[in-house]
Amino acid sequence: MNGTSGIARAATGNAASPVRSDSRLTAVRIFGNSAYGTPGFFSLNGPGGTVIASDPTNSCDRLFSYGEFPGCQTDALGSPLWGMPPGYNPPDAVGGYSLGFIQTGAAVTSGSYTVSTVVPVNGTTVTYTASATIPATPVVLPNATGVTSFVSDGKGGGTFTIGNPRRVRPHGIVNPVTEYLIVVTNTVITSGGPVTSTVATMNTTGTSATITGTGTGCPTSAAPIPCGSNNAYVIDADYPLVEAGPPASTSSNPTLTGTMAALHAQSRRFWYTYEPTASFPDCAAIHAAIVSGIRPERS
């Protein structure tokens, strides 16, 4: 239970360049113990007390194996955010996949946080908890700048360019962002009012991502991104956001490969810099001797 996410929102269409509007959030990444038909309701407590109180009247306050129920997380305008093809495959029968984090709306405060949920099991209840600590100087991701341009393919797809390059900071420290997720939503006006839904998501570690359209072309047919005006969001994370959750992974404790790779590289450099003995040159000499002893096989 940890991690950092940021969201930037932009309007986009089939040909127009988007107008950007940025926003930030505080989120808690959740990995549950297992999925239950009746998962119960959760609460989140931090150093200042209750961050999210248990609310049995809110169906979205139930904690499943990978966060809340898909679609329960929304942006500032109430539009649902969830994982869809092509980034999340195969398509989910419910409609989409949970993104695995819970927005708290609270400021980042150092200290210990605990999420707790009481699950009904065989006529009784079982309490599950998980804790994490935000350090005194937490890693804060750079502001997500969102989609800077969109080039439509005319069939319901196109190429998104985002202003979030993985730049190197002073002293060789790389931007902690390891992945960006582009979420495209569409709003339809019905007799009951506007209805917004996620129509496509695509993840990238670079500055662009392409979704291939499968329609015949606007104005007749376009998929997965419909003809007309749509909205695009960029979510940045310092962990493998898509790969750590379903359908790519069903583990309740997935390995954070992106994060561990960076730590592994830094640990090697640290060891090389501060190793006080002659073990490094000794090992290098031994390896060199082995390599020099290798002779090509003669036919």
Protein backbone atom coordinates (compact mmCIF):
# COMPACT_ATOMS: atom_id res chain seq x y z
CA MET A 1 0.00 0.00 0.00
CA ASN A 2 1.96 2.96 -1.30
CA GLY A 3 2.80 4.82 -4.47
CA THR A 4 2.13 8.19 -6.03
CA SER A 5 -0.14 9.22 -8.87
CA GLY A 6 -0.98 12.44 -10.67
CA ILE A 7 -3.70 13.31 -13.18
CA ALA A 8 -3.83 15.93 -15.92
CA ARG A 9 -6.98 16.50 -17.98
CA ALA A 10 -7.32 17.74 -21.56
CA ALA A 11 -10.04 18.08 -24.19
CA THR A 12 -9.39 16.30 -27.46
CA GLY A 13 -11.19 15.46 -30.68
CA ASN A 14 -10.59 13.71 -33.97
CA ALA A 15 -8.41 16.46 -35.40
CA ALA A 16 -8.14 19.42 -33.00
CA SER A 17 -5.22 20.05 -30.67
CA PRO A 18 -6.32 19.84 -27.03
CA VAL A 19 -6.69 22.67 -24.56
CA ARG A 20 -4.88 21.59 -21.42
CA SER A 21 -6.19 21.84 -17.89
CA ASP A 22 -4.07 20.33 -15.12
CA SER A 23 -5.06 18.98 -11.74
CA ARG A 24 -3.33 17.06 -8.97
CA LEU A 25 -4.46 14.46 -6.50
CA THR A 26 -3.25 12.47 -3.55
CA ALA A 27 -3.77 8.74 -3.99
CA VAL A 28 -3.14 5.57 -2.05
CA ARG A 29 -2.28 2.46 -4.06
CA ILE A 30 -4.12 -0.57 -2.72
CA PHE A 31 -3.36 -4.28 -2.97
CA GLY A 32 -5.98 -6.32 -1.12
CA ASN A 33 -5.77 -9.83 0.34
CA SER A 34 -8.36 -11.53 -1.85
CA ALA A 35 -11.66 -10.83 -3.57
CA TYR A 36 -14.98 -11.49 -1.82
CA GLY A 37 -18.55 -11.35 -3.07
CA THR A 38 -19.32 -9.14 -0.06
CA PRO A 39 -16.05 -7.33 0.65
CA GLY A 40 -17.30 -5.06 3.42
CA PHE A 41 -16.44 -1.38 3.79
CA PHE A 42 -13.01 0.10 4.41
CA SER A 43 -11.54 3.00 6.36
CA LEU A 44 -8.20 4.79 6.03
CA ASN A 45 -6.41 6.37 8.97
CA GLY A 46 -3.32 8.57 8.91
CA PRO A 47 -1.12 10.53 11.31
CA GLY A 48 -3.81 13.17 11.74
CA GLY A 49 -6.65 10.71 12.32
CA THR A 50 -9.34 9.48 9.92
CA VAL A 51 -8.67 10.19 6.24
CA ILE A 52 -11.56 8.13 4.86
CA ALA A 53 -14.28 6.93 7.21
CA SER A 54 -16.14 3.67 6.64
CA ASP A 55 -19.46 4.44 4.92
CA PRO A 56 -21.88 1.49 4.48
CA THR A 57 -24.25 3.75 2.53
CA ASN A 58 -21.67 4.23 -0.23
CA SER A 59 -21.27 1.15 -2.44
CA CYS A 60 -17.94 2.52 -3.72
CA ASP A 61 -16.41 2.32 -0.25
CA ARG A 62 -15.98 -1.45 -0.60
CA LEU A 63 -12.41 -2.72 -0.92
CA PHE A 64 -11.78 -5.44 -3.49
CA SER A 65 -8.53 -7.25 -4.30
CA TYR A 66 -7.20 -4.31 -6.34
CA GLY A 67 -8.74 -1.16 -4.96
CA GLU A 68 -12.34 -0.09 -5.23
CA PHE A 69 -14.91 -1.38 -7.72
CA PRO A 70 -14.07 -0.34 -11.33
CA GLY A 71 -15.43 3.11 -12.15
CA CYS A 72 -15.64 4.28 -8.54
CA GLN A 73 -12.58 6.51 -8.97
CA THR A 74 -13.41 9.75 -10.79
CA ASP A 75 -11.80 13.00 -11.79
CA ALA A 76 -12.69 16.40 -10.30
CA LEU A 77 -15.73 16.61 -12.61
CA GLY A 78 -17.09 13.21 -11.55
CA SER A 79 -16.07 11.39 -14.74
CA PRO A 80 -15.21 7.72 -14.02
CA LEU A 81 -11.64 6.52 -14.51
CA TRP A 82 -10.97 2.85 -15.24
CA GLY A 83 -8.83 0.60 -17.40
CA MET A 84 -10.00 -0.22 -20.92
CA PRO A 85 -8.44 -1.73 -24.08
CA PRO A 86 -5.99 -1.46 -25.70
CA GLY A 87 -3.94 -0.84 -22.56
CA TYR A 88 -5.99 -3.34 -20.56
CA ASN A 89 -6.70 -6.57 -22.45
CA PRO A 90 -8.82 -8.65 -22.68
CA PRO A 91 -11.89 -6.42 -22.17
CA ASP A 92 -13.55 -6.77 -18.78
CA ALA A 93 -17.13 -8.08 -18.62
CA VAL A 94 -18.03 -5.48 -15.97
CA GLY A 95 -16.98 -2.66 -18.27
CA GLY A 96 -13.43 -1.88 -17.15
CA TYR A 97 -10.65 -2.59 -14.67
CA SER A 98 -9.90 -0.86 -11.40
CA LEU A 99 -6.81 1.35 -11.59
CA GLY A 100 -5.77 0.14 -8.14
CA PHE A 101 -5.60 3.43 -6.26
CA ILE A 102 -7.96 5.39 -4.03
CA GLN A 103 -8.02 9.17 -4.15
CA THR A 104 -8.01 10.68 -0.68
CA GLY A 105 -8.16 14.40 -1.44
CA ALA A 106 -5.81 14.91 1.51
CA ALA A 107 -2.49 16.70 1.50
CA VAL A 108 0.66 14.56 1.56
CA THR A 109 1.55 14.27 5.25
CA SER A 110 4.46 12.26 6.64
CA GLY A 111 3.61 9.41 8.96
CA SER A 112 1.96 6.00 9.14
CA TYR A 113 -1.23 5.12 7.26
CA THR A 114 -3.44 2.08 7.77
CA VAL A 115 -6.30 0.84 5.62
CA SER A 116 -8.73 -1.56 7.27
CA THR A 117 -11.70 -3.54 5.97
CA VAL A 118 -14.09 -5.89 7.78
CA VAL A 119 -15.12 -8.81 5.55
CA PRO A 120 -18.17 -11.06 6.23
CA VAL A 121 -17.04 -14.72 6.17
CA ASN A 122 -19.26 -17.72 7.02
CA GLY A 123 -21.51 -15.89 9.43
CA THR A 124 -18.70 -13.99 11.14
CA THR A 125 -16.30 -11.21 10.16
CA VAL A 126 -12.58 -11.06 9.46
CA THR A 127 -10.62 -7.81 9.65
CA TYR A 128 -7.82 -7.19 7.15
CA THR A 129 -5.36 -4.34 7.51
CA ALA A 130 -2.34 -3.04 5.66
CA SER A 131 -0.01 -0.21 6.62
CA ALA A 132 2.56 2.00 4.93
CA THR A 133 4.65 4.97 5.99
CA ILE A 134 5.22 8.21 4.10
CA PRO A 135 8.74 9.40 4.99
CA ALA A 136 9.62 12.86 6.21
CA THR A 137 10.80 13.82 2.72
CA PRO A 138 8.50 11.88 0.38
CA VAL A 139 9.10 11.55 -3.34
CA VAL A 140 6.66 13.91 -5.06
CA LEU A 141 6.10 13.31 -8.76
CA PRO A 142 6.43 16.23 -11.18
CA ASN A 143 3.19 17.86 -12.29
CA ALA A 144 1.46 15.84 -14.99
CA THR A 145 1.28 18.20 -17.97
CA GLY A 146 -1.25 16.13 -19.87
CA VAL A 147 -1.82 15.68 -23.61
CA THR A 148 -0.11 18.36 -25.69
CA SER A 149 -1.30 17.15 -29.12
CA PHE A 150 -3.48 14.50 -30.73
CA VAL A 151 -3.34 13.37 -34.37
CA SER A 152 -6.42 11.39 -35.35
CA ASP A 153 -6.31 8.45 -37.76
CA GLY A 154 -9.92 9.23 -38.72
CA LYS A 155 -11.15 5.80 -37.61
CA GLY A 156 -11.41 6.16 -33.87
CA GLY A 157 -7.74 6.16 -32.98
CA GLY A 158 -4.66 8.31 -33.25
CA THR A 159 -1.38 9.32 -31.66
CA PHE A 160 -1.22 11.19 -28.38
CA THR A 161 1.78 13.30 -27.44
CA ILE A 162 2.26 14.07 -23.76
CA GLY A 163 4.50 16.65 -22.12
CA ASN A 164 5.92 14.26 -19.57
CA PRO A 165 9.39 13.16 -20.74
CA ARG A 166 11.49 11.05 -18.37
CA ARG A 167 14.16 13.63 -17.81
CA VAL A 168 17.34 13.21 -15.78
CA ARG A 169 17.64 15.42 -12.75
CA PRO A 170 20.90 16.77 -11.25
CA HIS A 171 23.40 14.17 -9.95
CA GLY A 172 22.04 11.54 -12.35
CA ILE A 173 18.77 10.97 -10.46
CA VAL A 174 16.08 10.00 -12.92
CA ASN A 175 12.53 11.38 -12.81
CA PRO A 176 10.72 8.90 -10.49
CA VAL A 177 7.83 8.52 -12.96
CA THR A 178 8.00 5.03 -14.49
CA GLU A 179 4.76 4.95 -16.45
CA TYR A 180 2.02 7.15 -17.90
CA LEU A 181 -1.55 6.07 -18.56
CA ILE A 182 -3.68 7.97 -21.09
CA VAL A 183 -7.39 7.67 -20.31
CA VAL A 184 -9.91 8.78 -22.96
CA THR A 185 -13.51 9.51 -21.91
CA ASN A 186 -16.61 10.39 -23.91
CA THR A 187 -19.80 12.12 -22.78
CA VAL A 188 -23.20 11.36 -24.31
CA ILE A 189 -26.24 13.57 -23.66
CA THR A 190 -29.27 11.43 -22.78
CA SER A 191 -32.80 12.20 -21.62
CA GLY A 192 -31.59 11.66 -18.08
CA GLY A 193 -28.65 14.00 -18.48
CA PRO A 194 -25.01 13.63 -19.55
CA VAL A 195 -23.41 10.20 -19.19
CA THR A 196 -19.60 9.98 -19.24
CA SER A 197 -17.70 6.74 -19.78
CA THR A 198 -14.12 5.66 -20.40
CA VAL A 199 -13.73 4.47 -23.99
CA ALA A 200 -9.98 3.70 -24.24
CA THR A 201 -6.77 3.66 -22.20
CA MET A 202 -3.15 3.27 -23.29
CA ASN A 203 0.05 3.18 -21.25
CA THR A 204 3.50 4.43 -22.23
CA THR A 205 6.91 5.06 -20.71
CA GLY A 206 7.79 7.70 -23.31
CA THR A 207 6.23 10.85 -24.68
CA SER A 208 3.71 9.36 -27.11
CA ALA A 209 1.21 6.53 -27.45
CA THR A 210 -0.87 5.32 -30.37
CA ILE A 211 -4.35 3.80 -30.32
CA THR A 212 -5.35 2.12 -33.58
CA GLY A 213 -8.85 2.96 -34.79
CA THR A 214 -11.11 0.10 -35.90
CA GLY A 215 -14.05 2.06 -37.32
CA THR A 216 -14.85 2.89 -40.94
CA GLY A 217 -14.29 6.59 -40.39
CA CYS A 218 -16.05 9.72 -39.19
CA PRO A 219 -18.75 10.89 -39.29
CA THR A 220 -20.20 7.39 -39.77
CA SER A 221 -18.27 5.14 -37.41
CA ALA A 222 -15.22 5.43 -35.16
CA ALA A 223 -13.94 3.07 -32.45
CA PRO A 224 -12.76 2.89 -29.77
CA ILE A 225 -12.73 6.73 -29.63
CA PRO A 226 -16.09 8.01 -30.96
CA CYS A 227 -16.42 10.83 -33.46
CA GLY A 228 -16.74 14.31 -31.99
CA SER A 229 -15.33 15.77 -28.80
CA ASN A 230 -13.68 13.60 -26.15
CA ASN A 231 -11.55 14.15 -23.04
CA ALA A 232 -8.09 12.73 -22.37
CA TYR A 233 -6.33 12.31 -19.03
CA VAL A 234 -2.75 11.50 -18.22
CA ILE A 235 -2.04 9.60 -15.01
CA ASP A 236 1.60 9.31 -13.96
CA ALA A 237 2.90 6.79 -11.43
CA ASP A 238 6.17 5.73 -9.83
CA TYR A 239 5.29 2.04 -10.13
CA PRO A 240 4.10 -0.19 -13.01
CA LEU A 241 0.48 0.96 -12.83
CA VAL A 242 -0.91 -1.28 -15.59
CA GLU A 243 1.37 -4.30 -15.19
CA ALA A 244 0.83 -4.58 -11.41
CA GLY A 245 -2.96 -4.95 -11.70
CA PRO A 246 -5.49 -7.11 -13.51
CA PRO A 247 -5.64 -8.48 -16.11
CA ALA A 248 -1.82 -8.36 -16.42
CA SER A 249 -1.38 -9.52 -12.81
CA THR A 250 -3.80 -11.11 -10.35
CA SER A 251 -1.30 -11.23 -7.48
CA SER A 252 -2.31 -9.51 -4.25
CA ASN A 253 1.34 -8.51 -3.75
CA PRO A 254 2.83 -7.93 -7.22
CA THR A 255 6.51 -7.20 -7.65
CA LEU A 256 7.16 -3.56 -8.48
CA THR A 257 9.61 -4.33 -11.26
CA GLY A 258 9.97 -0.76 -12.47
CA THR A 259 10.82 0.55 -9.02
CA MET A 260 13.12 -2.34 -8.10
CA ALA A 261 15.14 -1.98 -11.31
CA ALA A 262 16.04 1.61 -10.44
CA LEU A 263 16.95 0.64 -6.86
CA HIS A 264 19.08 -2.24 -8.12
CA ALA A 265 21.12 0.06 -10.36
CA GLN A 266 21.59 2.61 -7.58
CA SER A 267 22.69 -0.08 -5.10
CA ARG A 268 25.42 -1.30 -7.50
CA ARG A 269 26.75 2.24 -7.86
CA PHE A 270 26.65 2.76 -4.11
CA TRP A 271 28.59 -0.46 -3.49
CA TYR A 272 31.21 0.42 -6.09
CA THR A 273 31.70 3.92 -4.63
CA TYR A 274 32.00 2.93 -0.97
CA GLU A 275 33.49 -0.59 -1.13
CA PRO A 276 36.55 -0.19 1.16
CA THR A 277 38.45 -3.37 0.23
CA ALA A 278 40.27 -4.54 -2.88
CA SER A 279 37.51 -6.99 -3.75
CA PHE A 280 36.43 -5.11 -6.88
CA PRO A 281 39.87 -5.05 -8.61
CA ASP A 282 40.54 -8.61 -7.40
CA CYS A 283 37.28 -9.85 -8.93
CA ALA A 284 37.98 -7.90 -12.13
CA ALA A 285 41.37 -9.60 -12.46
CA ILE A 286 39.84 -13.03 -11.93
CA HIS A 287 37.17 -12.40 -14.57
CA ALA A 288 39.82 -11.11 -16.98
CA ALA A 289 41.87 -14.28 -16.46
CA ILE A 290 38.85 -16.44 -17.24
CA VAL A 291 38.06 -14.51 -20.40
CA SER A 292 41.67 -14.62 -21.61
CA GLY A 293 41.70 -18.37 -21.09
CA ILE A 294 38.86 -18.93 -23.51
CA ARG A 295 40.08 -20.17 -26.88
CA PRO A 296 37.98 -20.44 -30.04
CA GLU A 297 37.04 -23.99 -30.99
CA ARG A 298 38.96 -25.33 -33.95
CA SER A 299 37.18 -27.35 -36.60
